[in-house]
Amino acid sequence: MYTRIVECHVKPGRKQEATTKMNNEVLPILQKQPGFVDMIGLTDEHDPERLLALSFWTTKEDAERYHREQFSHISDLLKPLLTTTPKVETYNVESSTTHRIAAGKAA
């Protein structure tokens, strides 16, 4: 498995709008991409304008295809809400307990 971590800094007072856009517009695009597994959105309690999005992909190739074909469109959707260009980092996933998290939520 492979992950992309995207860091965004939103304009003051626009965090909720950015989060809503991520859930309603960005996530549906991700869900249509080959190899997409999941996305986790994080907010920083000490820096309310900082958002992180972790997307998980079956393979590095799937993530790279998404980046080439869709990421500029996603960036354009969010651009009016951001103070800086999104920063992207990529990693191989060495271990995961995602199945345990999902089971805990269901209980």
Foldseek 3Di string as FASTA:
>chain_A
DKKKKKKFFFDPPCLVVLVVCCVPPVVVVLVPFPFWDDKDKDADPVRRRIIMIMTDGNDPVSVVVCCVPPPVVVQVSCVVGTPDRIDMDMDDDPDDPVVVVVVVVVD
